[in-house]
Amino acid sequence: MDRETGDATVRALDQIRDEISTHRRLVDSTQLTGGTRLGGGYAERIDKFIADWTVGESGSVAQVLTTFEEELAKLREAVQRSMATYEASDRGGVEHLRRAERAL
């Protein structure tokens, strides 16, 4: 991947990471406070559902965000490796052309 495209992609991934961090802080604050504190009765059941959905074990928002952050980091690294490979290949091509030009 060329430098310009790679840099734009990394910037976009960083923006996504920043947005995820904002949501992560909201999830963490819900976990710390123990829920949204909606009150008793029916509201208490809704509050428990929200807490379970947000910070529960399987399939919770917290778990999904963690997985997404990990995959996003892998994608960012892959883009950077692709840029490095492209640049190395480009340098190799330039050197090959220089040698061919000198041979003429």
C-alpha atoms as a PDB file:
ATOM      1  CA  MET A   1       0.000   0.000   0.000  1.00  0.00           C
ATOM      2  CA  ASP A   2       1.406   3.392  -0.935  1.00  0.00           C
ATOM      3  CA  ARG A   3       2.301   5.911   1.771  1.00  0.00           C
ATOM      4  CA  GLU A   4      -0.582   8.329   1.105  1.00  0.00           C
ATOM      5  CA  THR A   5      -3.265   5.643   1.166  1.00  0.00           C
ATOM      6  CA  GLY A   6      -1.658   3.930   4.140  1.00  0.00           C
ATOM      7  CA  ASP A   7      -1.409   7.127   6.166  1.00  0.00           C
ATOM      8  CA  ALA A   8      -5.052   7.968   5.420  1.00  0.00           C
ATOM      9  CA  THR A   9      -6.087   4.461   6.449  1.00  0.00           C
ATOM     10  CA  VAL A  10      -4.090   4.619   9.691  1.00  0.00           C
ATOM     11  CA  ARG A  11      -5.638   8.022  10.504  1.00  0.00           C
ATOM     12  CA  ALA A  12      -9.125   6.612   9.909  1.00  0.00           C
ATOM     13  CA  LEU A  13      -8.374   3.590  12.092  1.00  0.00           C
ATOM     14  CA  ASP A  14      -7.064   5.893  14.820  1.00  0.00           C
ATOM     15  CA  GLN A  15     -10.298   7.907  14.675  1.00  0.00           C
ATOM     16  CA  ILE A  16     -12.301   4.703  15.055  1.00  0.00           C
ATOM     17  CA  ARG A  17     -10.085   3.677  17.978  1.00  0.00           C
ATOM     18  CA  ASP A  18     -10.720   7.045  19.640  1.00  0.00           C
ATOM     19  CA  GLU A  19     -14.490   6.609  19.238  1.00  0.00           C
ATOM     20  CA  ILE A  20     -14.280   3.116  20.696  1.00  0.00           C
ATOM     21  CA  SER A  21     -12.322   4.525  23.651  1.00  0.00           C
ATOM     22  CA  THR A  22     -15.174   6.943  24.331  1.00  0.00           C
ATOM     23  CA  HIS A  23     -17.662   4.078  24.352  1.00  0.00           C
ATOM     24  CA  ARG A  24     -15.295   1.981  26.454  1.00  0.00           C
ATOM     25  CA  ARG A  25     -15.249   4.729  29.113  1.00  0.00           C
ATOM     26  CA  LEU A  26     -19.059   4.729  29.164  1.00  0.00           C
ATOM     27  CA  VAL A  27     -19.121   0.951  29.594  1.00  0.00           C
ATOM     28  CA  ASP A  28     -16.463   1.127  32.309  1.00  0.00           C
ATOM     29  CA  SER A  29     -18.421   3.790  34.197  1.00  0.00           C
ATOM     30  CA  THR A  30     -21.542   1.609  34.018  1.00  0.00           C
ATOM     31  CA  GLN A  31     -19.527  -1.269  35.421  1.00  0.00           C
ATOM     32  CA  LEU A  32     -18.124   0.877  38.237  1.00  0.00           C
ATOM     33  CA  THR A  33     -21.472   2.356  39.249  1.00  0.00           C
ATOM     34  CA  GLY A  34     -23.270  -0.963  38.998  1.00  0.00           C
ATOM     35  CA  GLY A  35     -25.778   0.207  36.411  1.00  0.00           C
ATOM     36  CA  THR A  36     -27.858   3.194  35.525  1.00  0.00           C
ATOM     37  CA  ARG A  37     -29.858   3.349  38.776  1.00  0.00           C
ATOM     38  CA  LEU A  38     -33.295   3.661  37.225  1.00  0.00           C
ATOM     39  CA  GLY A  39     -35.207   2.912  40.408  1.00  0.00           C
ATOM     40  CA  GLY A  40     -37.292  -0.010  41.687  1.00  0.00           C
ATOM     41  CA  GLY A  41     -39.879  -2.346  40.191  1.00  0.00           C
ATOM     42  CA  TYR A  42     -39.975  -2.572  36.415  1.00  0.00           C
ATOM     43  CA  ALA A  43     -37.214   0.041  36.105  1.00  0.00           C
ATOM     44  CA  GLU A  44     -34.981  -2.130  38.271  1.00  0.00           C
ATOM     45  CA  ARG A  45     -35.428  -5.044  35.849  1.00  0.00           C
ATOM     46  CA  ILE A  46     -34.597  -2.767  32.929  1.00  0.00           C
ATOM     47  CA  ASP A  47     -31.537  -1.545  34.820  1.00  0.00           C
ATOM     48  CA  LYS A  48     -30.378  -5.135  35.396  1.00  0.00           C
ATOM     49  CA  PHE A  49     -30.904  -5.982  31.717  1.00  0.00           C
ATOM     50  CA  ILE A  50     -28.881  -2.939  30.649  1.00  0.00           C
ATOM     51  CA  ALA A  51     -26.082  -3.823  33.082  1.00  0.00           C
ATOM     52  CA  ASP A  52     -26.005  -7.464  31.914  1.00  0.00           C
ATOM     53  CA  TRP A  53     -26.029  -6.429  28.272  1.00  0.00           C
ATOM     54  CA  THR A  54     -23.334  -3.816  28.836  1.00  0.00           C
ATOM     55  CA  VAL A  55     -20.857  -5.582  31.107  1.00  0.00           C
ATOM     56  CA  GLY A  56     -22.084  -9.174  31.347  1.00  0.00           C
ATOM     57  CA  GLU A  57     -20.012 -12.163  30.344  1.00  0.00           C
ATOM     58  CA  SER A  58     -20.993 -13.607  26.972  1.00  0.00           C
ATOM     59  CA  GLY A  59     -21.754 -11.226  24.119  1.00  0.00           C
ATOM     60  CA  SER A  60     -21.767  -8.094  26.233  1.00  0.00           C
ATOM     61  CA  VAL A  61     -20.862  -4.696  24.873  1.00  0.00           C
ATOM     62  CA  ALA A  62     -17.662  -4.784  26.944  1.00  0.00           C
ATOM     63  CA  GLN A  63     -16.640  -8.094  25.386  1.00  0.00           C
ATOM     64  CA  VAL A  64     -17.495  -6.967  21.852  1.00  0.00           C
ATOM     65  CA  LEU A  65     -15.559  -3.703  22.302  1.00  0.00           C
ATOM     66  CA  THR A  66     -12.524  -5.604  23.572  1.00  0.00           C
ATOM     67  CA  THR A  67     -12.572  -7.940  20.563  1.00  0.00           C
ATOM     68  CA  PHE A  68     -13.127  -5.030  18.182  1.00  0.00           C
ATOM     69  CA  GLU A  69     -10.204  -3.086  19.684  1.00  0.00           C
ATOM     70  CA  GLU A  70      -7.936  -6.115  19.277  1.00  0.00           C
ATOM     71  CA  GLU A  71      -8.953  -6.618  15.647  1.00  0.00           C
ATOM     72  CA  LEU A  72      -8.575  -2.909  14.939  1.00  0.00           C
ATOM     73  CA  ALA A  73      -5.012  -3.000  16.305  1.00  0.00           C
ATOM     74  CA  LYS A  74      -4.234  -6.010  14.080  1.00  0.00           C
ATOM     75  CA  LEU A  75      -5.626  -4.190  11.051  1.00  0.00           C
ATOM     76  CA  ARG A  76      -3.551  -1.089  11.828  1.00  0.00           C
ATOM     77  CA  GLU A  77      -0.404  -3.236  12.085  1.00  0.00           C
ATOM     78  CA  ALA A  78      -1.241  -4.976   8.795  1.00  0.00           C
ATOM     79  CA  VAL A  79      -1.615  -1.615   7.045  1.00  0.00           C
ATOM     80  CA  GLN A  80       1.743  -0.471   8.395  1.00  0.00           C
ATOM     81  CA  ARG A  81       3.405  -3.721   7.269  1.00  0.00           C
ATOM     82  CA  SER A  82       1.814  -3.343   3.855  1.00  0.00           C
ATOM     83  CA  MET A  83       3.172   0.198   3.570  1.00  0.00           C
ATOM     84  CA  ALA A  84       6.655  -0.973   4.535  1.00  0.00           C
ATOM     85  CA  THR A  85       6.502  -3.816   2.000  1.00  0.00           C
ATOM     86  CA  TYR A  86       5.313  -1.454  -0.734  1.00  0.00           C
ATOM     87  CA  GLU A  87       8.086   1.041   0.008  1.00  0.00           C
ATOM     88  CA  ALA A  88      10.746  -1.689   0.105  1.00  0.00           C
ATOM     89  CA  SER A  89       9.485  -3.067  -3.199  1.00  0.00           C
ATOM     90  CA  ASP A  90       9.431   0.416  -4.685  1.00  0.00           C
ATOM     91  CA  ARG A  91      13.027   1.058  -3.557  1.00  0.00           C
ATOM     92  CA  GLY A  92      14.054  -2.318  -4.970  1.00  0.00           C
ATOM     93  CA  GLY A  93      12.431  -1.470  -8.291  1.00  0.00           C
ATOM     94  CA  VAL A  94      14.201   1.880  -8.453  1.00  0.00           C
ATOM     95  CA  GLU A  95      17.541   0.224  -7.729  1.00  0.00           C
ATOM     96  CA  HIS A  96      16.872  -2.413 -10.387  1.00  0.00           C
ATOM     97  CA  LEU A  97      16.150   0.321 -12.957  1.00  0.00           C
ATOM     98  CA  ARG A  98      19.323   2.202 -11.994  1.00  0.00           C
ATOM     99  CA  ARG A  99      21.423  -0.919 -12.492  1.00  0.00           C
ATOM    100  CA  ALA A 100      19.767  -1.561 -15.842  1.00  0.00           C
ATOM    101  CA  GLU A 101      20.352   2.043 -16.883  1.00  0.00           C
ATOM    102  CA  ARG A 102      24.047   1.826 -15.954  1.00  0.00           C
ATOM    103  CA  ALA A 103      24.376  -1.384 -17.950  1.00  0.00           C
ATOM    104  CA  LEU A 104      23.285   0.417 -21.108  1.00  0.00           C
END
